[in-house]
C-alpha atoms as a PDB file:
ATOM      1  CA  UNK A   1      -0.250  -0.134   0.150  1.00  0.00           C
ATOM      2  CA  UNK A   2       1.337   3.453  -0.902  1.00  0.00           C
ATOM      3  CA  UNK A   3       2.011   5.547   2.025  1.00  0.00           C
ATOM      4  CA  UNK A   4      -0.563   8.793   2.393  1.00  0.00           C
ATOM      5  CA  UNK A   5       1.704  10.960   4.049  1.00  0.00           C
ATOM      6  CA  UNK A   6       5.127  12.495   3.935  1.00  0.00           C
ATOM      7  CA  UNK A   7       7.743  13.892   6.752  1.00  0.00           C
ATOM      8  CA  UNK A   8       8.342  17.720   6.087  1.00  0.00           C
ATOM      9  CA  UNK A   9      10.653  19.376   8.589  1.00  0.00           C
ATOM     10  CA  UNK A  10      10.030  23.194   8.934  1.00  0.00           C
ATOM     11  CA  UNK A  11      13.577  24.317   8.448  1.00  0.00           C
ATOM     12  CA  UNK A  12      13.420  26.066  11.730  1.00  0.00           C
ATOM     13  CA  UNK A  13      14.674  24.926  14.904  1.00  0.00           C
ATOM     14  CA  UNK A  14      12.164  24.032  17.517  1.00  0.00           C
ATOM     15  CA  UNK A  15      12.684  25.811  20.773  1.00  0.00           C
ATOM     16  CA  UNK A  16      10.861  23.923  23.108  1.00  0.00           C
ATOM     17  CA  UNK A  17      11.013  24.639  27.072  1.00  0.00           C
ATOM     18  CA  UNK A  18      12.499  22.196  29.456  1.00  0.00           C
ATOM     19  CA  UNK A  19      10.293  19.912  31.542  1.00  0.00           C
ATOM     20  CA  UNK A  20      11.781  22.003  34.547  1.00  0.00           C
ATOM     21  CA  UNK A  21      11.028  25.472  32.973  1.00  0.00           C
ATOM     22  CA  UNK A  22       7.401  24.183  31.696  1.00  0.00           C
ATOM     23  CA  UNK A  23       6.513  22.978  35.384  1.00  0.00           C
ATOM     24  CA  UNK A  24       8.036  25.993  37.066  1.00  0.00           C
ATOM     25  CA  UNK A  25       6.231  28.460  34.876  1.00  0.00           C
ATOM     26  CA  UNK A  26       2.742  26.427  35.655  1.00  0.00           C
ATOM     27  CA  UNK A  27       3.655  26.999  39.368  1.00  0.00           C
ATOM     28  CA  UNK A  28       4.198  30.793  38.952  1.00  0.00           C
ATOM     29  CA  UNK A  29       0.594  30.575  37.105  1.00  0.00           C
ATOM     30  CA  UNK A  30      -0.798  28.715  40.029  1.00  0.00           C
ATOM     31  CA  UNK A  31       0.693  31.435  42.418  1.00  0.00           C
ATOM     32  CA  UNK A  32      -1.533  33.987  40.404  1.00  0.00           C
ATOM     33  CA  UNK A  33      -4.687  32.255  42.308  1.00  0.00           C
ATOM     34  CA  UNK A  34      -3.258  32.942  45.660  1.00  0.00           C
ATOM     35  CA  UNK A  35      -5.729  34.957  48.045  1.00  0.00           C
ATOM     36  CA  UNK A  36      -3.016  36.012  50.818  1.00  0.00           C
ATOM     37  CA  UNK A  37      -1.088  38.957  49.233  1.00  0.00           C
ATOM     38  CA  UNK A  38       1.663  38.492  51.697  1.00  0.00           C
ATOM     39  CA  UNK A  39       3.323  35.846  49.377  1.00  0.00           C
ATOM     40  CA  UNK A  40       1.585  34.491  46.378  1.00  0.00           C
ATOM     41  CA  UNK A  41       3.385  30.894  46.295  1.00  0.00           C
ATOM     42  CA  UNK A  42       2.081  28.137  43.878  1.00  0.00           C
ATOM     43  CA  UNK A  43       3.276  24.720  43.618  1.00  0.00           C
ATOM     44  CA  UNK A  44       2.759  21.607  40.874  1.00  0.00           C
ATOM     45  CA  UNK A  45       3.157  17.821  41.665  1.00  0.00           C
ATOM     46  CA  UNK A  46       4.257  15.908  38.880  1.00  0.00           C
ATOM     47  CA  UNK A  47       4.601  11.993  38.649  1.00  0.00           C
ATOM     48  CA  UNK A  48       7.325  10.191  36.953  1.00  0.00           C
ATOM     49  CA  UNK A  49       5.562  10.424  33.411  1.00  0.00           C
ATOM     50  CA  UNK A  50       5.622  13.941  33.528  1.00  0.00           C
ATOM     51  CA  UNK A  51       2.227  14.132  34.237  1.00  0.00           C
ATOM     52  CA  UNK A  52       0.525  16.730  36.643  1.00  0.00           C
ATOM     53  CA  UNK A  53      -1.417  15.064  39.550  1.00  0.00           C
ATOM     54  CA  UNK A  54      -2.066  18.145  41.836  1.00  0.00           C
ATOM     55  CA  UNK A  55      -1.789  22.022  41.657  1.00  0.00           C
ATOM     56  CA  UNK A  56      -2.083  24.637  44.866  1.00  0.00           C
ATOM     57  CA  UNK A  57      -1.649  28.167  45.992  1.00  0.00           C
ATOM     58  CA  UNK A  58      -1.557  29.454  49.144  1.00  0.00           C
ATOM     59  CA  UNK A  59      -4.995  30.286  50.492  1.00  0.00           C
ATOM     60  CA  UNK A  60      -7.583  29.945  53.148  1.00  0.00           C
ATOM     61  CA  UNK A  61      -8.866  26.588  54.038  1.00  0.00           C
ATOM     62  CA  UNK A  62     -12.148  24.721  53.433  1.00  0.00           C
ATOM     63  CA  UNK A  63     -15.162  26.350  51.421  1.00  0.00           C
ATOM     64  CA  UNK A  64     -16.352  28.591  53.851  1.00  0.00           C
ATOM     65  CA  UNK A  65     -13.402  30.532  55.526  1.00  0.00           C
ATOM     66  CA  UNK A  66     -13.002  33.955  53.974  1.00  0.00           C
ATOM     67  CA  UNK A  67      -9.755  34.774  52.090  1.00  0.00           C
ATOM     68  CA  UNK A  68      -7.275  37.213  53.406  1.00  0.00           C
ATOM     69  CA  UNK A  69      -8.207  39.206  50.320  1.00  0.00           C
ATOM     70  CA  UNK A  70     -11.799  39.461  51.397  1.00  0.00           C
ATOM     71  CA  UNK A  71     -11.268  40.252  55.065  1.00  0.00           C
ATOM     72  CA  UNK A  72      -7.637  40.898  55.893  1.00  0.00           C
ATOM     73  CA  UNK A  73      -4.480  38.696  56.932  1.00  0.00           C
ATOM     74  CA  UNK A  74      -5.282  36.852  60.641  1.00  0.00           C
ATOM     75  CA  UNK A  75      -1.956  37.741  61.973  1.00  0.00           C
ATOM     76  CA  UNK A  76       0.061  35.891  64.806  1.00  0.00           C
ATOM     77  CA  UNK A  77       3.856  36.618  65.337  1.00  0.00           C
ATOM     78  CA  UNK A  78       4.222  38.213  61.886  1.00  0.00           C
ATOM     79  CA  UNK A  79       2.526  35.282  59.966  1.00  0.00           C
ATOM     80  CA  UNK A  80      -0.619  35.278  58.735  1.00  0.00           C
ATOM     81  CA  UNK A  81      -2.134  32.006  60.251  1.00  0.00           C
ATOM     82  CA  UNK A  82      -5.425  31.767  58.081  1.00  0.00           C
ATOM     83  CA  UNK A  83      -3.598  30.787  54.944  1.00  0.00           C
ATOM     84  CA  UNK A  84      -2.440  26.878  54.249  1.00  0.00           C
ATOM     85  CA  UNK A  85       0.743  26.875  52.050  1.00  0.00           C
ATOM     86  CA  UNK A  86       0.595  25.647  47.931  1.00  0.00           C
ATOM     87  CA  UNK A  87       2.458  22.710  49.069  1.00  0.00           C
ATOM     88  CA  UNK A  88       0.032  21.566  51.667  1.00  0.00           C
ATOM     89  CA  UNK A  89      -2.797  22.056  49.537  1.00  0.00           C
ATOM     90  CA  UNK A  90      -1.097  19.645  46.970  1.00  0.00           C
ATOM     91  CA  UNK A  91      -0.627  17.147  49.453  1.00  0.00           C
ATOM     92  CA  UNK A  92      -4.174  17.524  50.952  1.00  0.00           C
ATOM     93  CA  UNK A  93      -5.763  17.227  47.385  1.00  0.00           C
ATOM     94  CA  UNK A  94      -3.861  14.371  46.799  1.00  0.00           C
ATOM     95  CA  UNK A  95      -4.875  12.506  50.128  1.00  0.00           C
ATOM     96  CA  UNK A  96      -8.758  13.769  49.654  1.00  0.00           C
ATOM     97  CA  UNK A  97      -8.700  11.996  46.061  1.00  0.00           C
ATOM     98  CA  UNK A  98      -6.275   8.968  46.965  1.00  0.00           C
ATOM     99  CA  UNK A  99      -3.657  10.019  44.621  1.00  0.00           C
ATOM    100  CA  UNK A 100       0.026   8.570  45.602  1.00  0.00           C
ATOM    101  CA  UNK A 101       2.904  11.180  45.842  1.00  0.00           C
ATOM    102  CA  UNK A 102       5.376   8.606  46.089  1.00  0.00           C
ATOM    103  CA  UNK A 103       8.375   9.156  43.641  1.00  0.00           C
ATOM    104  CA  UNK A 104       6.665  12.517  42.322  1.00  0.00           C
ATOM    105  CA  UNK A 105       8.488  15.589  42.121  1.00  0.00           C
ATOM    106  CA  UNK A 106       6.989  19.170  43.105  1.00  0.00           C
ATOM    107  CA  UNK A 107       7.923  22.633  41.575  1.00  0.00           C
ATOM    108  CA  UNK A 108       7.214  25.532  43.843  1.00  0.00           C
ATOM    109  CA  UNK A 109       7.666  29.105  43.441  1.00  0.00           C
ATOM    110  CA  UNK A 110       9.400  29.773  46.835  1.00  0.00           C
ATOM    111  CA  UNK A 111      11.516  27.263  48.848  1.00  0.00           C
ATOM    112  CA  UNK A 112       9.023  25.220  51.151  1.00  0.00           C
ATOM    113  CA  UNK A 113       8.980  26.436  54.977  1.00  0.00           C
ATOM    114  CA  UNK A 114       9.882  23.711  57.281  1.00  0.00           C
ATOM    115  CA  UNK A 115       6.674  22.495  58.192  1.00  0.00           C
ATOM    116  CA  UNK A 116       6.139  22.053  54.350  1.00  0.00           C
ATOM    117  CA  UNK A 117       9.472  20.418  53.968  1.00  0.00           C
ATOM    118  CA  UNK A 118       8.450  17.868  56.771  1.00  0.00           C
ATOM    119  CA  UNK A 119       5.125  17.234  55.252  1.00  0.00           C
ATOM    120  CA  UNK A 120       6.590  16.593  51.517  1.00  0.00           C
ATOM    121  CA  UNK A 121       9.126  14.169  52.998  1.00  0.00           C
ATOM    122  CA  UNK A 122       6.407  12.270  54.356  1.00  0.00           C
ATOM    123  CA  UNK A 123       4.325  12.367  51.401  1.00  0.00           C
ATOM    124  CA  UNK A 124       7.092  10.294  49.573  1.00  0.00           C
ATOM    125  CA  UNK A 125       8.153  13.202  47.304  1.00  0.00           C
ATOM    126  CA  UNK A 126      11.608  12.517  45.670  1.00  0.00           C
ATOM    127  CA  UNK A 127      12.468  15.871  44.390  1.00  0.00           C
ATOM    128  CA  UNK A 128      11.917  19.427  45.200  1.00  0.00           C
ATOM    129  CA  UNK A 129      12.609  22.115  42.377  1.00  0.00           C
ATOM    130  CA  UNK A 130      11.893  25.902  43.612  1.00  0.00           C
ATOM    131  CA  UNK A 131      12.527  29.393  41.894  1.00  0.00           C
ATOM    132  CA  UNK A 132      12.893  32.051  44.970  1.00  0.00           C
ATOM    133  CA  UNK A 133      14.991  30.951  47.697  1.00  0.00           C
ATOM    134  CA  UNK A 134      12.551  32.693  50.319  1.00  0.00           C
ATOM    135  CA  UNK A 135      13.543  31.867  53.839  1.00  0.00           C
ATOM    136  CA  UNK A 136      15.588  28.893  53.322  1.00  0.00           C
ATOM    137  CA  UNK A 137      15.755  27.135  56.428  1.00  0.00           C
ATOM    138  CA  UNK A 138      19.231  25.214  57.216  1.00  0.00           C
ATOM    139  CA  UNK A 139      17.415  22.302  59.303  1.00  0.00           C
ATOM    140  CA  UNK A 140      14.693  21.608  56.421  1.00  0.00           C
ATOM    141  CA  UNK A 141      18.043  21.235  54.096  1.00  0.00           C
ATOM    142  CA  UNK A 142      19.384  18.995  56.649  1.00  0.00           C
ATOM    143  CA  UNK A 143      15.946  17.003  56.462  1.00  0.00           C
ATOM    144  CA  UNK A 144      16.031  17.097  52.836  1.00  0.00           C
ATOM    145  CA  UNK A 145      19.640  15.811  52.436  1.00  0.00           C
ATOM    146  CA  UNK A 146      19.492  12.818  55.158  1.00  0.00           C
ATOM    147  CA  UNK A 147      16.259  11.488  53.462  1.00  0.00           C
ATOM    148  CA  UNK A 148      17.930  11.827  49.794  1.00  0.00           C
ATOM    149  CA  UNK A 149      15.678  14.471  48.359  1.00  0.00           C
ATOM    150  CA  UNK A 150      16.776  16.332  45.703  1.00  0.00           C
ATOM    151  CA  UNK A 151      16.367  20.051  45.995  1.00  0.00           C
ATOM    152  CA  UNK A 152      17.141  22.345  43.149  1.00  0.00           C
ATOM    153  CA  UNK A 153      16.711  25.945  42.358  1.00  0.00           C
ATOM    154  CA  UNK A 154      15.637  26.774  38.952  1.00  0.00           C
ATOM    155  CA  UNK A 155      15.360  30.532  38.608  1.00  0.00           C
ATOM    156  CA  UNK A 156      13.154  32.173  36.051  1.00  0.00           C
ATOM    157  CA  UNK A 157      14.227  35.534  36.807  1.00  0.00           C
ATOM    158  CA  UNK A 158      15.889  36.060  33.490  1.00  0.00           C
ATOM    159  CA  UNK A 159      13.054  35.457  31.432  1.00  0.00           C
ATOM    160  CA  UNK A 160      10.766  37.327  33.728  1.00  0.00           C
ATOM    161  CA  UNK A 161      13.162  40.041  33.433  1.00  0.00           C
END
């Protein structure tokens, strides 16, 4: 049977984003949904096949709790206590839906706080990619190291320029 098609190259090189830059840009897009103006943080959980299994951003918990951008920040010791972090929103969603996170990676706009780092370790995440080195905790780095979890900064600063 004669083929009904031919392969034709465009002649121009394909400038395709790396997986890391693609997912980090999506984390920044998720951050645009944040409802706490103190920090717009987004996170994307990706499985081994480069499929997104969860997205998250920082915002109030539940469906009835007012958001910071509606009523203001609930402050204690200089921190907004009404907001759940983007990483925990991803973990919570996966737990609620029965989605395993073991072996997955997370892309976060900001370095995870100590509490989120511990939760990510417990979730089975194998690598953390972050853009902004925000309040990098040395004990969080220690925990990641002894648990064999990659932690890599991927800066998109030059792309935002």
